Amino acid sequence: MKGTARYLLVSAITLLCWYKGMSQNTSSPYSIIGIGDLEESYFNRTSGMANTGVAYRSKLYLINNNPASYSALQEQFFVVEGAARGKIVSYYSDNLISNTNQTRDFSVERFSLGIKVKKWWGSSVGLMPFSTANYSFTGKKSIQGTNISTTADYDGSGGVNKAYWDNGFALGKHVSVGVSAAYLFGSLKQTETLSGTDVSDVITTTKNIFLRNLYFNYGAQYYTKLTKKWDLSLGGTYANQTDLAAEYTSDVSTSTTSIHNEVTKNDYFKLPNSVSAGIVLTKDKRFSMLADYRYQDWSTLNYKGSGYSLRNSNRASVGVEFSKLQQVWPMVIEKVFYQAGLFYSDSYLSVNNQQIKDMGVSVGLGFNSKRSTLSYMLGFEYGIRGTKSDNLIQERYGKLTFTLSYKDVWYTKGVKYN
């Protein structure tokens, strides 16, 4: 156990350092608004099923879609999971003039640890992204009060991270409730660079927004056996409206001099009420059919600007999973599983009266190591986001998620199998 603990500690430190050190290379033009693109993936076993899993439960995997799921964890085991994602995006628009209309990146996205604290209580801590912003574009800008028109380059980066502590509690044999207590923190940076023949010097304006606050998400699941062959699980989550404390700073400089540097204001960015529901039907412990729906009430927050506004968002997804099981006395083990999924969403962003839509398909594969307690999971997602109409940009993307899961005994009394 000492060697295992040392290995896990080194791996955790390496993953976290890598997580903080990776840079975002994939440009997302719509992430200039709000707090960027909200992360839709949970980077876990549900990635191959279009992240469908509000009602999903697992003994040996950390399902952070719903905190109530952690009560299902295997007793006397701990689980460590890490996930990384590669992404390629191609851009299409009637007005694109760039010869390079594709970007890509690779980064570590999630690290988590989970244990079964008591027979009725499962717990997990982790770190993952909540939102990301990354964009770069060039345009013309008129300087107010003059006849000067110059070239303006805009670059943005950053995002909000989520450090969470999830707990699930079994209430009897068929009901589990849970709570996710998260700390959201991060910063958004935008740099505007003015240059051109009509400007005597390059003028750079850097704006930073620092965001932070606690964020709570509540969940519940009901699970029962319908017949000898069929099992049913129902789930739901709720997150109430939350204010993110926001501190804005601004710095204006030329190539040689800092002209102005100050904290411009302290304010709040609001996150809306959010509710989701899901269902899982499982036959013979092998074949599962899943469906999820989520609603977020953004319009009541009344965020709007020139050409854009925030609207209520909806996301629906379905997934299937087939597990290949094998009897290894005294228990049944899973050798491999196959997954597929579909999703459709209306995002929270409306530009030029066009609500940005996102739709796609996913497939997944997972298997266990024959010589250790490691499990490997791959999920691939292809999607289309946005539209080419009304001078907007359409994104067509592919995402490959790799998740590594390690299990081991954390009690020294021996293994107790359910």
Protein backbone atom coordinates (compact mmCIF):
# COMPACT_ATOMS: atom_id res chain seq x y z
CA MET A 1 0.00 0.00 0.00
CA LYS A 2 2.88 2.40 0.69
CA GLY A 3 4.18 2.03 -2.86
CA THR A 4 0.68 2.49 -4.27
CA ALA A 5 0.08 5.60 -2.15
CA ARG A 6 3.40 7.10 -3.25
CA TYR A 7 2.57 6.40 -6.90
CA LEU A 8 -0.87 8.00 -6.58
CA LEU A 9 0.55 11.07 -4.83
CA VAL A 10 3.16 11.65 -7.53
CA SER A 11 0.56 11.09 -10.24
CA ALA A 12 -1.86 13.54 -8.60
CA ILE A 13 0.78 16.28 -8.31
CA THR A 14 1.87 15.72 -11.92
CA LEU A 15 -1.70 15.88 -13.21
CA LEU A 16 -2.55 19.01 -11.24
CA CYS A 17 0.61 20.81 -12.34
CA TRP A 18 -0.11 19.83 -15.93
CA TYR A 19 -3.73 20.95 -15.51
CA LYS A 20 -2.63 24.41 -14.39
CA GLY A 21 0.13 24.68 -16.97
CA MET A 22 -1.69 23.69 -20.16
CA SER A 23 -2.74 26.52 -22.48
CA GLN A 24 -5.87 26.68 -24.58
CA ASN A 25 -5.18 26.71 -28.32
CA THR A 26 -8.69 26.05 -29.62
CA SER A 27 -10.37 29.32 -30.56
CA SER A 28 -14.08 29.70 -29.76
CA PRO A 29 -15.53 32.96 -31.12
CA TYR A 30 -18.68 32.75 -28.96
CA SER A 31 -16.67 32.54 -25.72
CA ILE A 32 -16.16 36.34 -25.82
CA ILE A 33 -19.58 36.74 -24.14
CA GLY A 34 -20.51 35.96 -20.53
CA ILE A 35 -18.03 33.71 -18.69
CA GLY A 36 -17.12 31.84 -21.85
CA ASP A 37 -18.26 28.45 -23.08
CA LEU A 38 -19.85 26.42 -20.29
CA GLU A 39 -18.36 22.94 -20.04
CA GLU A 40 -20.89 20.26 -20.99
CA SER A 41 -18.69 17.20 -20.37
CA TYR A 42 -18.18 15.41 -17.05
CA PHE A 43 -15.01 13.60 -18.25
CA ASN A 44 -16.07 10.26 -16.76
CA ARG A 45 -17.64 6.97 -17.81
CA THR A 46 -20.63 8.77 -19.37
CA SER A 47 -18.52 10.63 -21.99
CA GLY A 48 -19.28 8.01 -24.67
CA MET A 49 -23.03 8.37 -24.04
CA ALA A 50 -23.21 12.12 -24.80
CA ASN A 51 -22.62 12.72 -21.04
CA THR A 52 -26.00 11.22 -20.21
CA GLY A 53 -25.99 10.12 -16.58
CA VAL A 54 -28.22 12.04 -14.15
CA ALA A 55 -29.75 8.70 -13.07
CA TYR A 56 -26.63 6.56 -13.68
CA ARG A 57 -25.04 4.65 -10.76
CA SER A 58 -21.76 2.74 -10.58
CA LYS A 59 -19.87 0.79 -7.90
CA LEU A 60 -16.37 1.35 -9.27
CA TYR A 61 -16.52 4.60 -11.25
CA LEU A 62 -16.97 8.23 -10.14
CA ILE A 63 -20.16 9.56 -11.74
CA ASN A 64 -20.11 13.30 -11.03
CA ASN A 65 -23.23 13.99 -13.14
CA ASN A 66 -25.27 13.64 -9.94
CA PRO A 67 -23.79 13.71 -6.41
CA ALA A 68 -26.41 11.18 -5.25
CA SER A 69 -24.65 8.49 -7.31
CA TYR A 70 -21.71 8.21 -4.88
CA SER A 71 -23.72 6.11 -2.41
CA ALA A 72 -23.37 3.27 -4.94
CA LEU A 73 -19.57 3.06 -4.59
CA GLN A 74 -18.06 -0.30 -3.57
CA GLU A 75 -17.28 -0.61 0.12
CA GLN A 76 -13.62 -0.76 1.20
CA PHE A 77 -12.38 0.60 -2.16
CA PHE A 78 -11.07 3.99 -3.19
CA VAL A 79 -11.13 5.26 -6.78
CA VAL A 80 -8.78 7.75 -8.47
CA GLU A 81 -9.67 9.10 -11.92
CA GLY A 82 -7.97 11.46 -14.34
CA ALA A 83 -9.16 12.60 -17.76
CA ALA A 84 -7.58 14.37 -20.73
CA ARG A 85 -9.17 15.64 -23.95
CA GLY A 86 -7.97 16.42 -27.44
CA LYS A 87 -10.09 18.70 -29.61
CA ILE A 88 -10.12 19.77 -33.26
CA VAL A 89 -12.44 22.55 -34.50
CA SER A 90 -13.11 23.70 -38.08
CA TYR A 91 -14.84 27.05 -38.75
CA TYR A 92 -17.27 27.91 -41.54
CA SER A 93 -18.75 31.28 -42.46
CA ASP A 94 -19.63 33.27 -45.56
CA ASN A 95 -17.34 36.08 -44.33
CA LEU A 96 -14.21 34.21 -43.23
CA ILE A 97 -11.08 35.51 -44.95
CA SER A 98 -8.45 33.58 -42.98
CA ASN A 99 -6.60 30.75 -44.70
CA THR A 100 -6.34 28.88 -41.39
CA ASN A 101 -9.84 27.88 -40.33
CA GLN A 102 -8.96 25.01 -38.01
CA THR A 103 -7.56 24.91 -34.48
CA ARG A 104 -6.70 22.11 -32.06
CA ASP A 105 -5.52 21.54 -28.50
CA PHE A 106 -4.91 18.87 -25.86
CA SER A 107 -5.23 19.32 -22.10
CA VAL A 108 -5.86 17.52 -18.82
CA GLU A 109 -9.43 18.29 -17.79
CA ARG A 110 -10.30 16.43 -14.58
CA PHE A 111 -8.72 14.80 -11.55
CA SER A 112 -10.81 13.23 -8.78
CA LEU A 113 -10.66 10.87 -5.81
CA GLY A 114 -13.62 8.97 -4.35
CA ILE A 115 -14.20 6.63 -1.39
CA LYS A 116 -17.04 4.87 0.40
CA VAL A 117 -16.87 6.52 3.82
CA LYS A 118 -19.69 4.47 5.36
CA LYS A 119 -22.07 1.84 4.05
CA TRP A 120 -24.59 4.61 3.40
CA TRP A 121 -22.17 7.42 2.44
CA GLY A 122 -19.93 7.92 -0.60
CA SER A 123 -17.71 10.95 -1.13
CA SER A 124 -15.49 12.45 -3.84
CA VAL A 125 -13.26 15.50 -4.33
CA GLY A 126 -12.04 16.79 -7.67
CA LEU A 127 -10.99 19.59 -9.98
CA MET A 128 -12.33 20.30 -13.48
CA PRO A 129 -13.21 23.25 -15.75
CA PHE A 130 -16.54 25.05 -15.38
CA SER A 131 -16.13 27.37 -18.38
CA THR A 132 -13.42 28.38 -20.87
CA ALA A 133 -12.77 31.46 -23.00
CA ASN A 134 -10.37 31.58 -25.92
CA TYR A 135 -10.70 33.73 -29.03
CA SER A 136 -8.71 35.87 -31.43
CA PHE A 137 -9.93 38.13 -34.23
CA THR A 138 -9.08 41.32 -36.10
CA GLY A 139 -11.32 44.18 -37.20
CA LYS A 140 -11.55 47.90 -37.88
CA LYS A 141 -12.25 50.37 -35.08
CA SER A 142 -13.05 54.10 -35.22
CA ILE A 143 -11.48 56.18 -32.45
CA GLN A 144 -14.22 58.16 -30.74
CA GLY A 145 -14.08 61.94 -31.33
CA THR A 146 -11.75 61.68 -34.33
CA ASN A 147 -11.84 60.67 -37.98
CA ILE A 148 -9.16 58.03 -37.36
CA SER A 149 -9.88 54.41 -38.20
CA THR A 150 -7.38 51.79 -37.14
CA THR A 151 -6.84 48.05 -36.96
CA ALA A 152 -7.93 46.38 -33.72
CA ASP A 153 -6.72 42.95 -32.63
CA TYR A 154 -8.70 41.20 -29.89
CA ASP A 155 -7.36 38.25 -27.94
CA GLY A 156 -9.11 36.56 -25.02
CA SER A 157 -8.27 33.67 -22.74
CA GLY A 158 -9.00 32.18 -19.34
CA GLY A 159 -11.97 30.53 -17.73
CA VAL A 160 -13.54 29.40 -14.49
CA ASN A 161 -12.36 26.27 -12.64
CA LYS A 162 -14.44 24.10 -10.34
CA ALA A 163 -12.98 22.50 -7.20
CA TYR A 164 -15.68 20.29 -5.73
CA TRP A 165 -16.54 18.03 -2.81
CA ASP A 166 -19.44 15.72 -3.63
CA ASN A 167 -21.32 13.52 -1.16
CA GLY A 168 -24.06 10.94 -1.71
CA PHE A 169 -26.19 9.44 1.09
CA ALA A 170 -28.37 6.33 0.85
CA LEU A 171 -31.79 6.67 2.50
CA GLY A 172 -32.90 3.07 2.72
CA LYS A 173 -32.59 0.57 -0.13
CA HIS A 174 -34.06 2.60 -3.00
CA VAL A 175 -33.33 6.31 -2.49
CA SER A 176 -30.12 8.35 -2.45
CA VAL A 177 -29.64 12.09 -2.04
CA GLY A 178 -26.51 14.13 -2.59
CA VAL A 179 -24.93 17.56 -2.48
CA SER A 180 -22.03 19.01 -4.45
CA ALA A 181 -20.22 21.86 -2.70
CA ALA A 182 -17.94 23.58 -5.21
CA TYR A 183 -15.67 26.59 -5.21
CA LEU A 184 -15.66 28.37 -8.56
CA PHE A 185 -12.61 30.49 -9.30
CA GLY A 186 -10.74 31.86 -12.29
CA SER A 187 -10.14 34.86 -14.50
CA LEU A 188 -11.01 36.12 -17.97
CA LYS A 189 -8.51 38.24 -19.87
CA GLN A 190 -9.11 40.36 -22.99
CA THR A 191 -6.40 42.29 -24.82
CA GLU A 192 -7.23 44.95 -27.40
CA THR A 193 -4.32 46.14 -29.54
CA LEU A 194 -4.76 49.23 -31.73
CA SER A 195 -2.28 49.73 -34.54
CA GLY A 196 -2.13 51.04 -38.09
CA THR A 197 -0.93 53.97 -40.18
CA ASP A 198 -3.30 56.42 -38.47
CA VAL A 199 -2.04 55.62 -34.97
CA SER A 200 1.31 57.04 -33.86
CA ASP A 201 2.01 54.16 -31.45
CA VAL A 202 0.63 50.75 -30.62
CA ILE A 203 -1.95 51.09 -27.84
CA THR A 204 -2.78 47.99 -25.79
CA THR A 205 -5.74 47.75 -23.43
CA THR A 206 -5.81 44.74 -21.13
CA LYS A 207 -8.96 43.94 -19.17
CA ASN A 208 -9.10 41.25 -16.49
CA ILE A 209 -12.12 39.85 -14.68
CA PHE A 210 -11.46 37.77 -11.54
CA LEU A 211 -14.38 35.50 -10.55
CA ARG A 212 -15.01 33.44 -7.42
CA ASN A 213 -17.73 32.05 -5.13
CA LEU A 214 -19.23 28.89 -3.65
CA TYR A 215 -21.63 26.94 -5.85
CA PHE A 216 -24.02 24.20 -4.67
CA ASN A 217 -25.73 21.49 -6.67
CA TYR A 218 -28.24 19.06 -5.13
CA GLY A 219 -29.25 15.64 -6.41
CA ALA A 220 -31.52 12.66 -5.78
CA GLN A 221 -31.92 9.18 -7.27
CA TYR A 222 -34.53 6.45 -6.98
CA TYR A 223 -33.55 2.92 -8.05
CA THR A 224 -35.41 -0.38 -7.96
CA LYS A 225 -35.77 -3.75 -9.66
CA LEU A 226 -38.81 -3.87 -11.95
CA THR A 227 -38.59 -7.57 -12.84
CA LYS A 228 -35.99 -10.33 -12.69
CA LYS A 229 -34.38 -8.89 -15.82
CA TRP A 230 -35.08 -5.16 -15.69
CA ASP A 231 -33.81 -2.43 -13.32
CA LEU A 232 -34.95 1.19 -13.21
CA SER A 233 -33.18 4.31 -11.97
CA LEU A 234 -34.57 7.85 -11.89
CA GLY A 235 -32.53 10.95 -11.06
CA GLY A 236 -32.69 14.70 -10.75
CA THR A 237 -30.45 17.65 -9.84
CA TYR A 238 -31.03 21.27 -8.90
CA ALA A 239 -28.70 24.27 -8.59
CA ASN A 240 -30.04 27.59 -7.34
CA GLN A 241 -29.15 31.04 -8.68
CA THR A 242 -25.65 32.05 -7.56
CA ASP A 243 -23.69 35.29 -7.68
CA LEU A 244 -20.07 35.07 -8.78
CA ALA A 245 -18.08 37.89 -7.22
CA ALA A 246 -16.32 39.70 -10.06
CA GLU A 247 -13.45 42.18 -9.83
CA TYR A 248 -12.63 44.11 -13.01
CA THR A 249 -9.21 45.64 -13.68
CA SER A 250 -8.00 47.64 -16.65
CA ASP A 251 -4.52 48.55 -17.94
CA VAL A 252 -3.78 50.84 -20.90
CA SER A 253 -0.24 51.08 -22.26
CA THR A 254 1.86 51.93 -25.29
CA SER A 255 4.96 50.06 -26.43
CA THR A 256 7.02 52.04 -23.88
CA THR A 257 4.69 53.46 -21.20
CA SER A 258 1.86 52.33 -18.92
CA ILE A 259 -0.79 55.04 -19.25
CA HIS A 260 -3.45 53.84 -16.86
CA ASN A 261 -3.86 50.96 -14.42
CA GLU A 262 -6.75 50.65 -11.97
CA VAL A 263 -9.49 48.49 -10.53
CA THR A 264 -12.50 49.66 -12.49
CA LYS A 265 -15.29 48.08 -10.42
CA ASN A 266 -16.42 45.26 -8.21
CA ASP A 267 -19.53 43.51 -9.43
CA TYR A 268 -21.30 40.15 -9.74
CA PHE A 269 -21.97 37.73 -12.57
CA LYS A 270 -25.03 35.61 -11.89
CA LEU A 271 -25.44 31.91 -12.60
CA PRO A 272 -29.09 30.88 -13.12
CA ASN A 273 -31.38 28.30 -11.58
CA SER A 274 -30.70 24.93 -13.20
CA VAL A 275 -32.69 21.70 -13.08
CA SER A 276 -32.14 18.33 -14.73
CA ALA A 277 -33.84 14.92 -14.83
CA GLY A 278 -32.78 11.50 -16.09
CA ILE A 279 -33.80 7.87 -16.43
CA VAL A 280 -31.90 4.59 -16.87
CA LEU A 281 -33.41 1.23 -17.84
CA THR A 282 -31.06 -1.76 -17.52
CA LYS A 283 -31.62 -5.34 -18.72
CA ASP A 284 -29.70 -8.27 -17.18
CA LYS A 285 -27.11 -5.86 -15.72
CA ARG A 286 -25.62 -5.68 -19.23
CA PHE A 287 -27.64 -3.42 -21.51
CA SER A 288 -28.67 0.10 -20.43
CA MET A 289 -30.76 2.80 -22.10
CA LEU A 290 -30.42 6.35 -20.73
CA ALA A 291 -32.04 9.76 -21.27
CA ASP A 292 -31.40 13.20 -19.72
CA TYR A 293 -32.96 16.66 -19.91
CA ARG A 294 -31.62 19.92 -18.43
CA TYR A 295 -33.10 23.44 -18.23
CA GLN A 296 -31.30 26.66 -17.21
CA ASP A 297 -33.16 29.92 -16.55
CA TRP A 298 -30.80 32.51 -18.04
CA SER A 299 -33.34 35.02 -19.41
CA THR A 300 -34.44 36.21 -15.96
CA LEU A 301 -30.89 37.49 -15.33
CA ASN A 302 -31.44 40.09 -18.10
CA TYR A 303 -27.92 40.03 -19.58
CA LYS A 304 -27.75 41.73 -22.97
CA GLY A 305 -25.53 43.91 -25.11
CA SER A 306 -25.02 45.13 -28.66
CA GLY A 307 -26.26 42.28 -30.86
CA TYR A 308 -26.43 39.61 -28.14
CA SER A 309 -28.46 38.44 -25.16
CA LEU A 310 -28.65 35.46 -22.85
CA ARG A 311 -31.64 33.13 -23.21
CA ASN A 312 -32.98 30.09 -21.41
CA SER A 313 -31.02 27.00 -22.40
CA ASN A 314 -32.17 23.40 -22.89
CA ARG A 315 -30.17 20.22 -23.38
CA ALA A 316 -31.48 16.74 -24.17
CA SER A 317 -29.42 13.59 -24.63
CA VAL A 318 -29.85 9.83 -24.94
CA GLY A 319 -27.34 7.01 -24.63
CA VAL A 320 -26.95 3.24 -24.69
CA GLU A 321 -24.37 1.00 -23.06
CA PHE A 322 -23.58 -2.70 -23.39
CA SER A 323 -21.32 -4.41 -20.85
CA LYS A 324 -19.55 -7.72 -21.39
CA LEU A 325 -19.50 -9.50 -18.02
CA GLN A 326 -17.58 -12.53 -16.81
CA GLN A 327 -18.05 -14.69 -13.71
CA VAL A 328 -14.83 -14.71 -11.65
CA TRP A 329 -15.58 -16.31 -8.31
CA PRO A 330 -16.82 -14.91 -6.00
CA MET A 331 -18.05 -12.04 -8.13
CA VAL A 332 -18.99 -10.93 -11.63
CA ILE A 333 -16.51 -8.58 -13.30
CA GLU A 334 -16.85 -6.33 -16.32
CA LYS A 335 -14.35 -7.02 -19.09
CA VAL A 336 -15.36 -4.35 -21.62
CA PHE A 337 -18.21 -1.95 -22.38
CA TYR A 338 -19.45 -0.20 -25.53
CA GLN A 339 -21.40 3.08 -25.67
CA ALA A 340 -23.17 5.46 -28.04
CA GLY A 341 -25.13 8.67 -27.59
CA LEU A 342 -26.93 11.65 -29.19
CA PHE A 343 -27.40 15.20 -27.87
CA TYR A 344 -29.06 18.49 -28.79
CA SER A 345 -28.92 21.81 -26.96
CA ASP A 346 -30.00 25.43 -27.21
CA SER A 347 -27.13 27.30 -25.57
CA TYR A 348 -27.53 30.33 -23.30
CA LEU A 349 -26.23 32.68 -25.99
CA SER A 350 -28.24 34.48 -28.67
CA VAL A 351 -26.37 36.53 -31.31
CA ASN A 352 -28.18 38.60 -33.95
CA ASN A 353 -31.44 37.01 -32.72
CA GLN A 354 -30.03 33.55 -33.44
CA GLN A 355 -29.84 31.26 -30.41
CA ILE A 356 -26.65 29.23 -30.77
CA LYS A 357 -27.48 25.53 -31.09
CA ASP A 358 -25.24 22.53 -30.54
CA MET A 359 -25.89 18.95 -31.66
CA GLY A 360 -23.85 15.81 -32.14
CA VAL A 361 -23.17 12.11 -31.65
CA SER A 362 -20.76 10.16 -29.47
CA VAL A 363 -19.29 6.69 -29.09
CA GLY A 364 -17.35 5.13 -26.24
CA LEU A 365 -15.25 2.12 -25.30
CA GLY A 366 -13.91 0.96 -21.94
CA PHE A 367 -11.96 -2.03 -20.66
CA ASN A 368 -10.15 -3.25 -17.58
CA SER A 369 -6.48 -4.13 -17.35
CA LYS A 370 -5.77 -7.86 -16.95
CA ARG A 371 -2.79 -7.30 -14.65
CA SER A 372 -3.95 -4.45 -12.43
CA THR A 373 -7.03 -2.59 -11.22
CA LEU A 374 -6.66 0.10 -13.89
CA SER A 375 -9.53 0.83 -16.27
CA TYR A 376 -9.26 2.70 -19.56
CA MET A 377 -12.09 4.64 -21.18
CA LEU A 378 -12.24 6.38 -24.57
CA GLY A 379 -15.06 8.64 -25.71
CA PHE A 380 -15.32 10.39 -29.09
CA GLU A 381 -17.80 13.16 -29.84
CA TYR A 382 -18.57 14.87 -33.14
CA GLY A 383 -20.75 17.96 -33.14
CA ILE A 384 -21.92 21.05 -35.01
CA ARG A 385 -22.33 24.35 -33.16
CA GLY A 386 -23.75 27.61 -34.46
CA THR A 387 -24.83 28.62 -37.94
CA LYS A 388 -23.44 30.36 -41.03
CA SER A 389 -26.50 32.59 -41.45
CA ASP A 390 -26.69 36.23 -40.27
CA ASN A 391 -22.90 36.67 -40.55
CA LEU A 392 -22.27 34.11 -37.81
CA ILE A 393 -19.71 31.32 -37.57
CA GLN A 394 -20.39 27.60 -37.54
CA GLU A 395 -18.06 25.26 -35.65
CA ARG A 396 -17.66 21.59 -36.52
CA TYR A 397 -15.64 19.79 -33.91
CA GLY A 398 -14.30 16.45 -32.83
CA LYS A 399 -13.42 15.67 -29.20
CA LEU A 400 -11.53 12.61 -27.97
CA THR A 401 -11.66 12.05 -24.20
CA PHE A 402 -9.37 9.57 -22.45
CA THR A 403 -10.19 8.65 -18.84
CA LEU A 404 -7.99 6.55 -16.58
CA SER A 405 -9.51 4.97 -13.46
CA TYR A 406 -7.58 3.23 -10.66
CA LYS A 407 -9.19 1.23 -7.83
CA ASP A 408 -7.66 -0.29 -4.73
CA VAL A 409 -8.57 -1.49 -1.24
CA TRP A 410 -8.35 1.23 1.40
CA TYR A 411 -9.30 -0.88 4.41
CA THR A 412 -6.75 -3.46 5.60
CA LYS A 413 -9.42 -5.87 6.86
CA GLY A 414 -9.82 -7.53 3.51
CA VAL A 415 -12.29 -7.07 0.70
CA LYS A 416 -15.99 -7.28 1.34
CA TYR A 417 -17.99 -8.04 -1.78
CA ASN A 418 -21.60 -6.98 -2.10
